[in-house]
C-alpha atoms as a PDB file:
ATOM      1  CA  MET A   1      22.273  -6.148  45.997  1.00  0.00           C
ATOM      2  CA  LYS A   2      20.756  -9.207  43.667  1.00  0.00           C
ATOM      3  CA  LYS A   3      17.792  -8.120  42.036  1.00  0.00           C
ATOM      4  CA  SER A   4      14.688 -10.294  42.144  1.00  0.00           C
ATOM      5  CA  PHE A   5      12.649  -9.887  39.275  1.00  0.00           C
ATOM      6  CA  ILE A   6       8.627 -11.569  39.031  1.00  0.00           C
ATOM      7  CA  ARG A   7       7.710 -13.170  36.350  1.00  0.00           C
ATOM      8  CA  PHE A   8       4.260 -12.576  34.260  1.00  0.00           C
ATOM      9  CA  PRO A   9       2.096 -14.590  32.029  1.00  0.00           C
ATOM     10  CA  MET A  10       2.335 -13.315  28.323  1.00  0.00           C
ATOM     11  CA  ILE A  11      -1.230 -13.172  27.899  1.00  0.00           C
ATOM     12  CA  THR A  12      -1.481 -11.190  31.277  1.00  0.00           C
ATOM     13  CA  LEU A  13       0.923  -9.057  29.836  1.00  0.00           C
ATOM     14  CA  ALA A  14      -0.975  -9.014  26.880  1.00  0.00           C
ATOM     15  CA  ALA A  15      -4.590  -7.740  28.382  1.00  0.00           C
ATOM     16  CA  SER A  16      -2.414  -4.901  30.300  1.00  0.00           C
ATOM     17  CA  ALA A  17      -0.903  -3.701  27.998  1.00  0.00           C
ATOM     18  CA  MET A  18      -4.164  -2.900  26.442  1.00  0.00           C
ATOM     19  CA  LEU A  19      -6.562  -1.697  29.195  1.00  0.00           C
ATOM     20  CA  LEU A  20      -4.110   0.764  29.386  1.00  0.00           C
ATOM     21  CA  ALA A  21      -4.466   1.185  25.993  1.00  0.00           C
ATOM     22  CA  ALA A  22      -7.774   1.790  26.353  1.00  0.00           C
ATOM     23  CA  CYS A  23      -7.353   4.250  29.544  1.00  0.00           C
ATOM     24  CA  GLY A  24      -4.648   5.631  28.086  1.00  0.00           C
ATOM     25  CA  ASN A  25      -4.455   9.422  29.084  1.00  0.00           C
ATOM     26  CA  ASP A  26      -7.788   9.361  31.858  1.00  0.00           C
ATOM     27  CA  ALA A  27      -5.051   7.012  34.085  1.00  0.00           C
ATOM     28  CA  GLU A  28      -2.390   8.972  33.214  1.00  0.00           C
ATOM     29  CA  GLU A  29      -4.121  12.484  34.543  1.00  0.00           C
ATOM     30  CA  LYS A  30      -5.954  10.085  37.966  1.00  0.00           C
ATOM     31  CA  LYS A  31      -1.709   9.750  38.274  1.00  0.00           C
ATOM     32  CA  THR A  32      -0.846  13.151  37.803  1.00  0.00           C
ATOM     33  CA  THR A  33      -3.318  14.437  40.039  1.00  0.00           C
ATOM     34  CA  GLU A  34      -2.871  12.361  42.449  1.00  0.00           C
ATOM     35  CA  SER A  35       1.267  12.457  42.498  1.00  0.00           C
ATOM     36  CA  GLU A  36       0.120  16.829  43.108  1.00  0.00           C
ATOM     37  CA  GLN A  37      -2.313  16.034  46.016  1.00  0.00           C
ATOM     38  CA  THR A  38       0.175  14.150  48.093  1.00  0.00           C
ATOM     39  CA  THR A  39       2.828  16.545  47.419  1.00  0.00           C
ATOM     40  CA  THR A  40       0.609  19.338  48.642  1.00  0.00           C
ATOM     41  CA  GLU A  41      -0.397  17.531  51.228  1.00  0.00           C
ATOM     42  CA  LYS A  42       3.682  16.034  51.899  1.00  0.00           C
ATOM     43  CA  THR A  43       4.243  19.651  51.850  1.00  0.00           C
ATOM     44  CA  THR A  44       1.872  21.315  53.976  1.00  0.00           C
ATOM     45  CA  GLU A  45       2.400  18.765  56.680  1.00  0.00           C
ATOM     46  CA  ASP A  46       6.456  19.552  56.310  1.00  0.00           C
ATOM     47  CA  ASN A  47       5.384  23.008  57.185  1.00  0.00           C
ATOM     48  CA  THR A  48       3.145  22.833  59.935  1.00  0.00           C
ATOM     49  CA  ALA A  49       5.813  20.039  61.076  1.00  0.00           C
ATOM     50  CA  THR A  50       8.234  22.370  61.632  1.00  0.00           C
ATOM     51  CA  GLU A  51       6.196  25.923  62.600  1.00  0.00           C
ATOM     52  CA  LYS A  52       6.707  25.566  66.225  1.00  0.00           C
ATOM     53  CA  PRO A  53       4.595  27.757  68.388  1.00  0.00           C
ATOM     54  CA  VAL A  54       6.659  30.901  70.237  1.00  0.00           C
ATOM     55  CA  GLU A  55       6.144  30.997  73.731  1.00  0.00           C
ATOM     56  CA  GLU A  56       6.397  33.819  75.289  1.00  0.00           C
ATOM     57  CA  LYS A  57       7.873  34.362  78.804  1.00  0.00           C
ATOM     58  CA  PRO A  58       6.897  36.821  81.081  1.00  0.00           C
ATOM     59  CA  ALA A  59       8.883  39.534  81.013  1.00  0.00           C
ATOM     60  CA  LYS A  60      10.661  40.246  83.798  1.00  0.00           C
ATOM     61  CA  GLU A  61       9.238  43.304  86.031  1.00  0.00           C
ATOM     62  CA  GLU A  62      11.951  45.872  86.279  1.00  0.00           C
ATOM     63  CA  VAL A  63      11.258  46.872  89.669  1.00  0.00           C
ATOM     64  CA  GLU A  64      14.102  49.581  92.197  1.00  0.00           C
ATOM     65  CA  ARG A  65      14.939  47.620  95.764  1.00  0.00           C
ATOM     66  CA  ASP A  66      16.423  49.327  98.401  1.00  0.00           C
ATOM     67  CA  ALA A  67      19.003  48.017 100.543  1.00  0.00           C
ATOM     68  CA  GLY A  68      17.005  45.498 102.317  1.00  0.00           C
ATOM     69  CA  GLY A  69      14.986  43.906  99.224  1.00  0.00           C
ATOM     70  CA  TYR A  70      11.908  45.603  99.491  1.00  0.00           C
ATOM     71  CA  ILE A  71      10.368  47.099  96.427  1.00  0.00           C
ATOM     72  CA  ILE A  72      10.385  51.542  96.648  1.00  0.00           C
ATOM     73  CA  ASP A  73       7.295  53.360  96.894  1.00  0.00           C
ATOM     74  CA  GLN A  74       5.148  49.220  97.340  1.00  0.00           C
ATOM     75  CA  GLU A  75       1.771  50.218  96.861  1.00  0.00           C
ATOM     76  CA  PRO A  76      -0.069  48.539 100.430  1.00  0.00           C
ATOM     77  CA  ALA A  77      -1.848  45.540  99.566  1.00  0.00           C
ATOM     78  CA  THR A  78      -5.474  44.897  99.484  1.00  0.00           C
ATOM     79  CA  GLU A  79      -5.330  41.229  99.055  1.00  0.00           C
ATOM     80  CA  VAL A  80      -3.221  37.956 100.162  1.00  0.00           C
ATOM     81  CA  LYS A  81      -0.640  36.912  96.914  1.00  0.00           C
ATOM     82  CA  LYS A  82      -1.840  33.616  95.972  1.00  0.00           C
ATOM     83  CA  VAL A  83      -0.230  31.337  93.461  1.00  0.00           C
ATOM     84  CA  ASP A  84      -2.011  28.102  92.129  1.00  0.00           C
ATOM     85  CA  GLY A  85      -4.191  28.200  95.579  1.00  0.00           C
ATOM     86  CA  VAL A  86      -0.726  28.618  97.833  1.00  0.00           C
ATOM     87  CA  VAL A  87      -0.031  32.211  99.782  1.00  0.00           C
ATOM     88  CA  ILE A  88       2.960  33.920  99.230  1.00  0.00           C
ATOM     89  CA  ALA A  89       4.650  35.839 101.684  1.00  0.00           C
ATOM     90  CA  ASN A  90       8.069  37.700 101.281  1.00  0.00           C
ATOM     91  CA  LYS A  91       9.999  41.051 100.218  1.00  0.00           C
ATOM     92  CA  ARG A  92       7.872  41.158  96.855  1.00  0.00           C
ATOM     93  CA  PHE A  93       4.635  40.107  98.060  1.00  0.00           C
ATOM     94  CA  PRO A  94       3.267  41.123 101.112  1.00  0.00           C
ATOM     95  CA  MET A  95      -0.142  41.452 102.802  1.00  0.00           C
ATOM     96  CA  PRO A  96      -2.778  43.582 104.235  1.00  0.00           C
ATOM     97  CA  GLY A  97      -2.266  45.060 107.689  1.00  0.00           C
ATOM     98  CA  ASP A  98      -5.886  43.754 108.602  1.00  0.00           C
ATOM     99  CA  TYR A  99      -5.544  40.429 107.323  1.00  0.00           C
ATOM    100  CA  ALA A 100      -5.198  37.979 110.218  1.00  0.00           C
ATOM    101  CA  PRO A 101      -6.502  35.058 110.181  1.00  0.00           C
ATOM    102  CA  GLY A 102      -4.888  33.835 113.625  1.00  0.00           C
ATOM    103  CA  GLU A 103      -2.982  30.322 113.647  1.00  0.00           C
ATOM    104  CA  SER A 104      -3.927  27.864 110.661  1.00  0.00           C
ATOM    105  CA  ALA A 105      -5.592  24.793 112.356  1.00  0.00           C
ATOM    106  CA  ASP A 106      -4.406  22.392 109.796  1.00  0.00           C
ATOM    107  CA  ALA A 107      -0.515  23.540 110.535  1.00  0.00           C
ATOM    108  CA  ARG A 108      -1.013  22.444 114.173  1.00  0.00           C
ATOM    109  CA  ALA A 109      -2.558  19.423 113.714  1.00  0.00           C
ATOM    110  CA  ALA A 110       0.661  18.700 111.181  1.00  0.00           C
ATOM    111  CA  PHE A 111       2.268  19.706 113.849  1.00  0.00           C
ATOM    112  CA  ASN A 112       0.654  17.464 116.707  1.00  0.00           C
ATOM    113  CA  GLU A 113       1.537  14.601 113.909  1.00  0.00           C
ATOM    114  CA  LEU A 114       5.149  15.381 113.354  1.00  0.00           C
ATOM    115  CA  ASN A 115       5.597  16.364 117.331  1.00  0.00           C
ATOM    116  CA  LYS A 116       4.277  12.454 118.007  1.00  0.00           C
ATOM    117  CA  ALA A 117       6.599  11.063 115.149  1.00  0.00           C
ATOM    118  CA  ALA A 118       9.514  13.180 116.824  1.00  0.00           C
ATOM    119  CA  GLN A 119       8.843  11.950 120.685  1.00  0.00           C
ATOM    120  CA  GLN A 120       9.032   8.101 119.472  1.00  0.00           C
ATOM    121  CA  ALA A 121      12.510   9.048 117.607  1.00  0.00           C
ATOM    122  CA  GLY A 122      14.002  10.486 121.155  1.00  0.00           C
ATOM    123  CA  TYR A 123      12.466  14.482 120.929  1.00  0.00           C
ATOM    124  CA  THR A 124       9.906  16.350 121.426  1.00  0.00           C
ATOM    125  CA  PHE A 125       9.444  19.601 119.819  1.00  0.00           C
ATOM    126  CA  ASN A 126       7.574  23.215 120.315  1.00  0.00           C
ATOM    127  CA  ALA A 127       6.459  25.668 117.777  1.00  0.00           C
ATOM    128  CA  PHE A 128       7.163  28.728 120.335  1.00  0.00           C
ATOM    129  CA  SER A 129       6.029  31.616 117.656  1.00  0.00           C
ATOM    130  CA  THR A 130       3.528  30.836 115.503  1.00  0.00           C
ATOM    131  CA  TYR A 131       0.421  33.295 114.106  1.00  0.00           C
ATOM    132  CA  ARG A 132       1.799  36.510 114.832  1.00  0.00           C
ATOM    133  CA  SER A 133      -0.536  40.031 113.818  1.00  0.00           C
ATOM    134  CA  TYR A 134       0.833  43.187 111.747  1.00  0.00           C
ATOM    135  CA  ASP A 135       0.612  45.052 115.210  1.00  0.00           C
ATOM    136  CA  ARG A 136       2.464  42.326 116.573  1.00  0.00           C
ATOM    137  CA  GLN A 137       5.828  42.098 113.726  1.00  0.00           C
ATOM    138  CA  THR A 138       6.240  45.993 113.544  1.00  0.00           C
ATOM    139  CA  GLU A 139       6.584  45.633 117.262  1.00  0.00           C
ATOM    140  CA  LEU A 140       9.382  42.712 117.558  1.00  0.00           C
ATOM    141  CA  TYR A 141      10.621  44.427 113.691  1.00  0.00           C
ATOM    142  CA  ASN A 142      10.922  48.121 115.410  1.00  0.00           C
ATOM    143  CA  ASN A 143      12.937  46.499 118.262  1.00  0.00           C
ATOM    144  CA  TYR A 144      15.563  44.614 115.805  1.00  0.00           C
ATOM    145  CA  VAL A 145      16.066  47.592 114.586  1.00  0.00           C
ATOM    146  CA  ALA A 146      16.408  49.196 117.256  1.00  0.00           C
ATOM    147  CA  LYS A 147      19.236  46.666 118.171  1.00  0.00           C
ATOM    148  CA  ASP A 148      21.303  45.884 114.982  1.00  0.00           C
ATOM    149  CA  GLY A 149      20.359  48.388 112.867  1.00  0.00           C
ATOM    150  CA  GLN A 150      17.534  47.880 109.662  1.00  0.00           C
ATOM    151  CA  GLU A 151      20.253  46.694 107.110  1.00  0.00           C
ATOM    152  CA  ALA A 152      21.147  43.260 109.472  1.00  0.00           C
ATOM    153  CA  ALA A 153      17.354  43.301 110.583  1.00  0.00           C
ATOM    154  CA  ASP A 154      16.347  43.285 107.775  1.00  0.00           C
ATOM    155  CA  ARG A 155      18.189  40.447 106.590  1.00  0.00           C
ATOM    156  CA  TYR A 156      16.366  37.772 108.952  1.00  0.00           C
ATOM    157  CA  SER A 157      13.125  40.151 110.076  1.00  0.00           C
ATOM    158  CA  ALA A 158      10.239  40.696 107.765  1.00  0.00           C
ATOM    159  CA  ARG A 159       8.951  43.952 107.482  1.00  0.00           C
ATOM    160  CA  PRO A 160       5.606  44.443 109.173  1.00  0.00           C
ATOM    161  CA  GLY A 161       2.814  43.279 106.394  1.00  0.00           C
ATOM    162  CA  PHE A 162       5.328  41.060 104.904  1.00  0.00           C
ATOM    163  CA  SER A 163       6.227  38.578 107.728  1.00  0.00           C
ATOM    164  CA  GLU A 164       5.199  34.683 107.018  1.00  0.00           C
ATOM    165  CA  HIS A 165       4.151  34.214 110.364  1.00  0.00           C
ATOM    166  CA  GLN A 166       1.041  37.003 110.224  1.00  0.00           C
ATOM    167  CA  THR A 167      -0.865  34.111 107.587  1.00  0.00           C
ATOM    168  CA  GLY A 168      -1.016  31.571 110.101  1.00  0.00           C
ATOM    169  CA  LEU A 169       1.361  28.960 108.144  1.00  0.00           C
ATOM    170  CA  ALA A 170       4.653  29.796 109.781  1.00  0.00           C
ATOM    171  CA  PHE A 171       5.780  27.649 112.619  1.00  0.00           C
ATOM    172  CA  ASP A 172       8.711  28.332 114.408  1.00  0.00           C
ATOM    173  CA  ILE A 173       9.999  24.818 116.070  1.00  0.00           C
ATOM    174  CA  GLY A 174      12.690  24.138 118.803  1.00  0.00           C
ATOM    175  CA  GLU A 175      13.225  21.327 121.292  1.00  0.00           C
ATOM    176  CA  THR A 176      11.643  21.385 124.492  1.00  0.00           C
ATOM    177  CA  SER A 177      14.727  20.111 126.506  1.00  0.00           C
ATOM    178  CA  ASN A 178      16.998  22.951 125.017  1.00  0.00           C
ATOM    179  CA  PRO A 179      14.832  26.595 125.140  1.00  0.00           C
ATOM    180  CA  ASN A 180      18.476  28.112 124.531  1.00  0.00           C
ATOM    181  CA  ASP A 181      18.952  27.279 121.106  1.00  0.00           C
ATOM    182  CA  TYR A 182      15.154  29.136 120.021  1.00  0.00           C
ATOM    183  CA  ALA A 183      15.689  30.818 117.233  1.00  0.00           C
ATOM    184  CA  SER A 184      19.147  30.062 117.091  1.00  0.00           C
ATOM    185  CA  ASN A 185      21.259  27.889 113.880  1.00  0.00           C
ATOM    186  CA  ARG A 186      22.813  26.791 116.914  1.00  0.00           C
ATOM    187  CA  PHE A 187      19.467  24.316 116.527  1.00  0.00           C
ATOM    188  CA  GLY A 188      20.632  23.392 113.190  1.00  0.00           C
ATOM    189  CA  LYS A 189      23.603  21.247 114.479  1.00  0.00           C
ATOM    190  CA  THR A 190      21.615  19.496 117.397  1.00  0.00           C
ATOM    191  CA  GLU A 191      20.434  16.025 116.686  1.00  0.00           C
ATOM    192  CA  ALA A 192      16.810  17.024 116.682  1.00  0.00           C
ATOM    193  CA  GLY A 193      17.354  20.230 114.196  1.00  0.00           C
ATOM    194  CA  LYS A 194      18.820  17.763 111.991  1.00  0.00           C
ATOM    195  CA  TRP A 195      15.911  14.816 112.308  1.00  0.00           C
ATOM    196  CA  LEU A 196      14.071  18.133 112.011  1.00  0.00           C
ATOM    197  CA  ALA A 197      15.154  18.900 109.269  1.00  0.00           C
ATOM    198  CA  GLU A 198      15.081  15.583 107.223  1.00  0.00           C
ATOM    199  CA  HIS A 199      11.764  14.468 108.263  1.00  0.00           C
ATOM    200  CA  ALA A 200       9.438  17.547 108.408  1.00  0.00           C
ATOM    201  CA  HIS A 201       7.947  17.386 104.874  1.00  0.00           C
ATOM    202  CA  GLU A 202       6.805  14.157 105.794  1.00  0.00           C
ATOM    203  CA  TYR A 203       4.546  16.489 108.055  1.00  0.00           C
ATOM    204  CA  GLY A 204       3.577  18.716 105.219  1.00  0.00           C
ATOM    205  CA  PHE A 205       6.283  21.236 106.616  1.00  0.00           C
ATOM    206  CA  ILE A 206       9.131  23.462 104.545  1.00  0.00           C
ATOM    207  CA  MET A 207      12.668  24.407 106.412  1.00  0.00           C
ATOM    208  CA  ARG A 208      11.494  28.093 104.915  1.00  0.00           C
ATOM    209  CA  TYR A 209      14.917  29.829 104.639  1.00  0.00           C
ATOM    210  CA  PRO A 210      17.032  27.328 103.607  1.00  0.00           C
ATOM    211  CA  ASP A 211      21.613  27.615 103.438  1.00  0.00           C
ATOM    212  CA  GLY A 212      22.735  29.071 100.322  1.00  0.00           C
ATOM    213  CA  LYS A 213      19.097  30.969  99.519  1.00  0.00           C
ATOM    214  CA  GLU A 214      19.346  34.236 101.262  1.00  0.00           C
ATOM    215  CA  GLU A 215      19.614  35.586  97.410  1.00  0.00           C
ATOM    216  CA  ILE A 216      16.460  34.018  96.321  1.00  0.00           C
ATOM    217  CA  THR A 217      14.227  33.819  99.950  1.00  0.00           C
ATOM    218  CA  GLY A 218      15.102  37.649 101.036  1.00  0.00           C
ATOM    219  CA  TYR A 219      16.584  35.632 103.996  1.00  0.00           C
ATOM    220  CA  MET A 220      19.802  34.102 105.904  1.00  0.00           C
ATOM    221  CA  TYR A 221      19.722  30.811 106.857  1.00  0.00           C
ATOM    222  CA  GLU A 222      16.815  29.963 109.558  1.00  0.00           C
ATOM    223  CA  SER A 223      17.420  26.194 111.149  1.00  0.00           C
ATOM    224  CA  TRP A 224      14.498  26.271 113.037  1.00  0.00           C
ATOM    225  CA  HIS A 225      11.163  28.466 110.736  1.00  0.00           C
ATOM    226  CA  PHE A 226       8.993  26.184 108.938  1.00  0.00           C
ATOM    227  CA  ARG A 227       6.723  26.636 106.377  1.00  0.00           C
ATOM    228  CA  TYR A 228       3.523  24.548 106.075  1.00  0.00           C
ATOM    229  CA  VAL A 229       2.398  24.216 102.628  1.00  0.00           C
ATOM    230  CA  GLY A 230       1.021  20.256 102.567  1.00  0.00           C
ATOM    231  CA  LYS A 231       2.731  17.176 102.071  1.00  0.00           C
ATOM    232  CA  ASP A 232       3.184  17.113  98.175  1.00  0.00           C
ATOM    233  CA  ILE A 233       4.422  20.108  97.904  1.00  0.00           C
ATOM    234  CA  ALA A 234       6.858  20.193 100.785  1.00  0.00           C
ATOM    235  CA  THR A 235       8.005  16.591  99.717  1.00  0.00           C
ATOM    236  CA  GLU A 236       9.155  18.054  95.937  1.00  0.00           C
ATOM    237  CA  ILE A 237      10.237  20.862  97.476  1.00  0.00           C
ATOM    238  CA  TYR A 238      12.587  19.337  99.877  1.00  0.00           C
ATOM    239  CA  ASN A 239      13.954  16.410  97.410  1.00  0.00           C
ATOM    240  CA  ASN A 240      14.259  19.630  94.949  1.00  0.00           C
ATOM    241  CA  ASP A 241      16.526  21.025  97.535  1.00  0.00           C
ATOM    242  CA  SER A 242      14.411  24.074  96.514  1.00  0.00           C
ATOM    243  CA  THR A 243      12.196  27.067  97.958  1.00  0.00           C
ATOM    244  CA  LEU A 244       8.857  27.873  98.143  1.00  0.00           C
ATOM    245  CA  GLU A 245      10.352  30.850  95.518  1.00  0.00           C
ATOM    246  CA  GLU A 246      11.939  28.729  92.805  1.00  0.00           C
ATOM    247  CA  TYR A 247       8.307  25.863  93.291  1.00  0.00           C
ATOM    248  CA  LEU A 248       6.267  28.665  92.627  1.00  0.00           C
ATOM    249  CA  GLY A 249       8.207  30.606  90.158  1.00  0.00           C
ATOM    250  CA  VAL A 250       8.563  34.051  91.964  1.00  0.00           C
ATOM    251  CA  GLU A 251      10.440  36.748  93.063  1.00  0.00           C
ATOM    252  CA  GLY A 252      11.632  36.975  96.424  1.00  0.00           C
END
């Protein structure tokens, strides 16, 4: 590398030498002090930069569950579980038996909007089951247990107090021209079912129990069961191919 030299007039150098001689120890002491201060500040900055705060993750609650995925000896719920304002009802989070909000007006309005779009595409939908009371879910669940046994029933039907239908936000949807496919996964293979799965999020609904997510949601695939969560959340869940549990960061 070629070095550059700056030439100074001799008079200037002489003057500088006299000035340095006059300042002498004061200048040297000031320089040393400034150097020490700079080193101290730099060391402090370096330590601050390297000392990153440790984020403590909440410990996962260890609970014992039965064969159906429900917590053994769980205390009855006294309130509805909400995460960031979103109601969550699953095998981990039950609802009080007297919780009876009825069908959500917002969900019904969104369904009507969805149905108008579906009709333009050549399909007409029916929300054949929406809000269910605690007592009605008790009746249905007991019937399923009598028919298929508890282990099988627990995969597709919620125990009383755990059903998302009790929130008034769950809509079981089918095509009006094909009622034989209501509450059947045959619906998901139809053109109407495919259209609904692809467009429901645009109106605030998610397929609540997608295929391959049973270990997360606690329930087997249901191509007809949709849950209203609003357009923004529904779109995010749809785009991420995830579930409400994954979005909220809770157990199923």
